[in-house]
Protein backbone atom coordinates (compact mmCIF):
# COMPACT_ATOMS: atom_id res chain seq x y z
CA MET A 1 -47.09 112.34 -54.84
CA ALA A 2 -48.67 109.15 -53.48
CA ALA A 3 -46.54 107.03 -55.82
CA THR A 4 -43.38 108.74 -54.56
CA SER A 5 -44.36 108.11 -50.95
CA GLU A 6 -45.12 104.45 -51.70
CA ARG A 7 -41.73 104.01 -53.38
CA GLY A 8 -40.05 105.58 -50.34
CA ILE A 9 -41.80 103.18 -48.01
CA MET A 10 -40.87 100.20 -50.17
CA ALA A 11 -37.26 101.34 -50.30
CA HIS A 12 -37.17 101.67 -46.51
CA VAL A 13 -38.66 98.21 -46.07
CA PHE A 14 -36.14 96.76 -48.52
CA ARG A 15 -33.19 98.38 -46.74
CA SER A 16 -34.46 97.12 -43.38
CA SER A 17 -34.82 93.60 -44.76
CA VAL A 18 -31.30 93.64 -46.18
CA ILE A 19 -29.88 94.88 -42.88
CA SER A 20 -31.78 92.17 -40.96
CA ILE A 21 -30.56 89.44 -43.33
CA CYS A 22 -26.97 90.67 -43.02
CA ALA A 23 -27.21 90.77 -39.23
CA VAL A 24 -28.55 87.22 -39.09
CA GLY A 25 -25.82 86.08 -41.47
CA LEU A 26 -23.08 87.64 -39.34
CA LEU A 27 -24.54 86.04 -36.22
CA LEU A 28 -24.57 82.61 -37.87
CA MET A 29 -20.98 83.12 -39.03
CA CYS A 30 -19.90 83.98 -35.49
CA VAL A 31 -21.65 80.92 -34.04
CA THR A 32 -20.22 78.65 -36.74
CA THR A 33 -16.72 80.04 -36.23
CA ARG A 34 -16.97 79.54 -32.47
CA ASN A 35 -18.15 75.94 -32.86
CA ALA A 36 -15.45 75.22 -35.42
CA HIS A 37 -12.74 76.25 -32.96
CA ALA A 38 -14.30 74.87 -29.78
CA THR A 39 -12.51 71.68 -28.80
CA ILE A 40 -12.00 69.46 -25.78
CA ASP A 41 -8.34 68.87 -24.94
CA ALA A 42 -8.40 66.47 -22.00
CA ALA A 43 -6.94 63.30 -20.51
CA VAL A 44 -8.23 60.57 -18.20
CA THR A 45 -6.20 58.33 -15.91
CA ILE A 46 -7.41 55.32 -13.92
CA SER A 47 -5.88 53.79 -10.81
CA SER A 48 -6.99 50.84 -8.70
CA GLN A 49 -6.73 49.56 -5.14
CA ASP A 50 -7.55 46.06 -3.92
CA ALA A 51 -10.85 46.21 -2.03
CA GLY A 52 -10.74 42.57 -0.93
CA GLY A 53 -13.04 39.74 -1.89
CA GLY A 54 -11.95 39.92 -5.51
CA ALA A 55 -13.13 43.53 -5.93
CA PHE A 56 -11.17 46.65 -6.81
CA ASN A 57 -11.77 50.33 -6.13
CA TYR A 58 -11.10 52.36 -9.27
CA THR A 59 -10.47 56.10 -9.44
CA LEU A 60 -10.87 58.05 -12.67
CA THR A 61 -9.04 61.37 -12.79
CA LEU A 62 -10.24 63.78 -15.49
CA ASN A 63 -7.97 66.66 -16.50
CA ASN A 64 -9.40 69.35 -18.77
CA HIS A 65 -6.22 70.93 -20.10
CA ALA A 66 -5.65 74.68 -20.25
CA ALA A 67 -5.54 74.46 -24.08
CA SER A 68 -9.13 73.19 -24.11
CA THR A 69 -11.78 75.65 -25.27
CA SER A 70 -14.78 73.72 -23.94
CA PRO A 71 -16.02 72.69 -20.51
CA ILE A 72 -16.82 69.03 -19.85
CA GLU A 73 -20.24 67.91 -18.59
CA THR A 74 -20.13 64.20 -19.45
CA LEU A 75 -17.56 61.46 -18.86
CA TRP A 76 -18.61 58.05 -20.20
CA PHE A 77 -16.15 55.29 -19.33
CA SER A 78 -15.70 51.96 -21.14
CA TRP A 79 -18.14 52.91 -23.88
CA ILE A 80 -18.64 54.03 -27.45
CA PRO A 81 -22.06 55.05 -28.79
CA GLY A 82 -24.11 51.87 -28.84
CA LEU A 83 -21.64 49.54 -27.10
CA ASP A 84 -20.70 48.94 -23.44
CA PHE A 85 -17.44 47.13 -22.74
CA MET A 86 -16.99 45.89 -19.15
CA SER A 87 -17.96 42.28 -18.43
CA VAL A 88 -19.29 43.12 -14.94
CA GLY A 89 -21.43 46.05 -13.87
CA PRO A 90 -19.67 48.59 -11.64
CA THR A 91 -21.03 49.38 -8.18
CA ALA A 92 -20.58 52.08 -5.53
CA GLU A 93 -20.11 54.82 -8.11
CA THR A 94 -19.21 58.21 -6.68
CA ALA A 95 -18.89 61.61 -8.34
CA PRO A 96 -18.09 65.20 -7.36
CA THR A 97 -20.82 67.45 -6.03
CA GLY A 98 -23.29 68.35 -8.75
CA TRP A 99 -22.56 65.26 -10.85
CA ASP A 100 -24.82 62.23 -11.34
CA THR A 101 -23.82 58.61 -12.00
CA PHE A 102 -25.42 55.97 -14.19
CA VAL A 103 -24.47 52.36 -15.02
CA GLU A 104 -25.63 51.24 -18.44
CA THR A 105 -26.22 47.66 -19.53
CA GLY A 106 -25.69 47.29 -23.25
CA TYR A 107 -28.02 45.70 -25.79
CA TYR A 108 -25.23 43.28 -26.72
CA GLY A 109 -24.19 42.76 -23.11
CA GLY A 110 -21.41 44.59 -21.34
CA TYR A 111 -21.49 47.53 -18.94
CA SER A 112 -20.31 51.12 -18.80
CA VAL A 113 -20.43 53.92 -16.26
CA ARG A 114 -21.47 57.49 -17.03
CA TYR A 115 -20.96 60.69 -15.04
CA THR A 116 -22.91 63.84 -15.99
CA THR A 117 -23.69 67.33 -14.77
CA THR A 118 -25.67 70.35 -15.87
CA THR A 119 -24.63 72.60 -13.01
CA ALA A 120 -20.96 71.95 -12.26
CA PRO A 121 -18.99 71.52 -15.52
CA LEU A 122 -15.25 70.94 -15.47
CA ASN A 123 -13.76 74.05 -17.04
CA PRO A 124 -10.41 74.21 -18.85
CA ASN A 125 -7.37 73.88 -16.56
CA GLY A 126 -9.43 71.93 -14.03
CA GLN A 127 -9.40 68.43 -12.56
CA LEU A 128 -12.06 66.13 -11.08
CA GLN A 129 -12.08 62.58 -9.73
CA PHE A 130 -14.73 59.88 -10.09
CA SER A 131 -14.78 56.34 -8.72
CA PHE A 132 -16.47 52.96 -8.86
CA THR A 133 -15.96 49.42 -7.55
CA SER A 134 -15.79 46.35 -9.76
CA THR A 135 -14.54 42.76 -9.87
CA VAL A 136 -13.12 43.50 -13.32
CA THR A 137 -9.34 43.34 -13.04
CA SER A 138 -6.85 45.91 -14.29
CA ASN A 139 -5.56 43.37 -16.80
CA GLU A 140 -9.03 42.95 -18.25
CA LEU A 141 -9.50 46.71 -18.50
CA ALA A 142 -6.17 46.96 -20.32
CA GLY A 143 -7.46 44.62 -23.03
CA ASN A 144 -10.27 44.78 -25.57
CA ASP A 145 -14.00 44.85 -24.90
CA SER A 146 -15.81 41.83 -23.48
CA VAL A 147 -18.45 41.82 -26.23
CA PHE A 148 -16.64 41.75 -29.56
CA GLY A 149 -13.03 41.67 -28.40
CA TYR A 150 -12.16 44.55 -30.73
CA TYR A 151 -12.48 47.92 -28.98
CA PRO A 152 -10.12 49.00 -26.16
CA GLU A 153 -12.02 48.63 -22.90
CA LEU A 154 -10.52 51.85 -21.54
CA THR A 155 -12.21 53.95 -24.24
CA THR A 156 -13.79 57.03 -22.68
CA TYR A 157 -16.03 59.64 -24.29
CA LEU A 158 -16.14 63.26 -23.14
CA TYR A 159 -18.87 65.76 -24.02
CA SER A 160 -19.07 69.49 -23.40
CA GLN A 161 -22.79 69.17 -22.65
CA SER A 162 -24.93 66.65 -20.80
CA ILE A 163 -25.62 63.95 -21.90
CA GLU A 164 -24.43 63.47 -25.48
CA ALA A 165 -24.32 66.99 -26.86
CA GLY A 166 -21.93 69.77 -27.74
CA ASP A 167 -18.26 69.19 -28.46
CA VAL A 168 -17.05 65.62 -28.15
CA THR A 169 -13.79 63.72 -28.03
CA SER A 170 -12.76 60.17 -27.16
CA VAL A 171 -9.65 59.20 -25.21
CA LEU A 172 -8.12 56.06 -23.76
CA ALA A 173 -7.92 56.18 -19.97
CA GLN A 174 -4.29 55.65 -18.97
CA GLN A 175 -3.65 53.20 -16.15
CA VAL A 176 -1.46 54.58 -13.36
CA ALA A 177 -0.30 53.22 -10.01
CA ALA A 178 -2.46 54.23 -7.07
CA VAL A 179 -0.90 56.65 -4.58
CA PRO A 180 -0.78 55.01 -1.13
CA GLU A 181 -2.86 56.62 1.58
CA PRO A 182 -0.99 58.60 4.29
CA SER A 183 -1.77 55.92 6.89
CA THR A 184 -0.23 53.28 4.64
CA LEU A 185 2.88 55.39 4.12
CA ALA A 186 3.14 55.91 7.88
CA LEU A 187 2.99 52.16 8.53
CA VAL A 188 5.64 51.50 5.89
CA GLY A 189 7.84 54.19 7.41
CA LEU A 190 7.36 52.78 10.92
CA GLY A 191 8.18 49.26 9.72
CA THR A 192 11.35 50.51 8.04
CA LEU A 193 12.41 52.33 11.21
CA VAL A 194 11.79 49.26 13.41
CA ALA A 195 13.78 47.08 11.03
CA ALA A 196 16.66 49.57 11.01
CA LEU A 197 16.70 49.73 14.83
CA GLY A 198 16.68 45.95 15.01
CA ILE A 199 19.67 45.66 12.71
CA ALA A 200 21.52 48.38 14.63
CA GLY A 201 20.77 46.61 17.94
CA ARG A 202 22.09 43.27 16.69
CA ARG A 203 25.27 44.89 15.47
CA LEU A 204 25.77 46.60 18.82
CA CYS A 205 25.28 43.31 20.73
CA PHE A 206 27.71 41.55 18.39
CA ARG A 207 30.39 44.19 18.95
CA SER A 208 29.90 44.16 22.74
CA ARG A 209 30.45 40.41 22.83
CA LYS A 210 33.81 40.86 21.16
């Protein structure tokens, strides 16, 4: 009778162990499947405006596309792991609320700028803007790195977690023309109107003299 009871207990323990192992296996499969399909589908553009004194104000626009399956918590511009590309360190870095900025000086020389968050990730189908000031010109940024002259200086790394964790992808920031500020557009419009009125006035005077 005691032997039968002991066998029953052992059988119950064995069944429980098998069920636990299967449950853990299914959980690992689910996590692995999720990670296998989690990707960052994003793009970065960069525009510049003359800040005077040989400096330029740069704006980075990060778009996390709707097809993306991961948020973005890190944007690292002009960088690949271990190398920083810009010849001059950026200044006056700004980021959206909840994001931090950091300028890195590389072991081999060169500079990069990093933006990170742990509280305000950019979710799919979202957009954020970041900025910095630098004396590096747009032409220099369009070329290769200032250290080895091999890697595109516009290389940007994106991570789904801060700082270098989770899903990752690298993109080349695409240079675009800066959109003029409303005040600038108003001045251009006013100048055009004044010029048109001047031409019309001269024509009217010319006809009246005839």
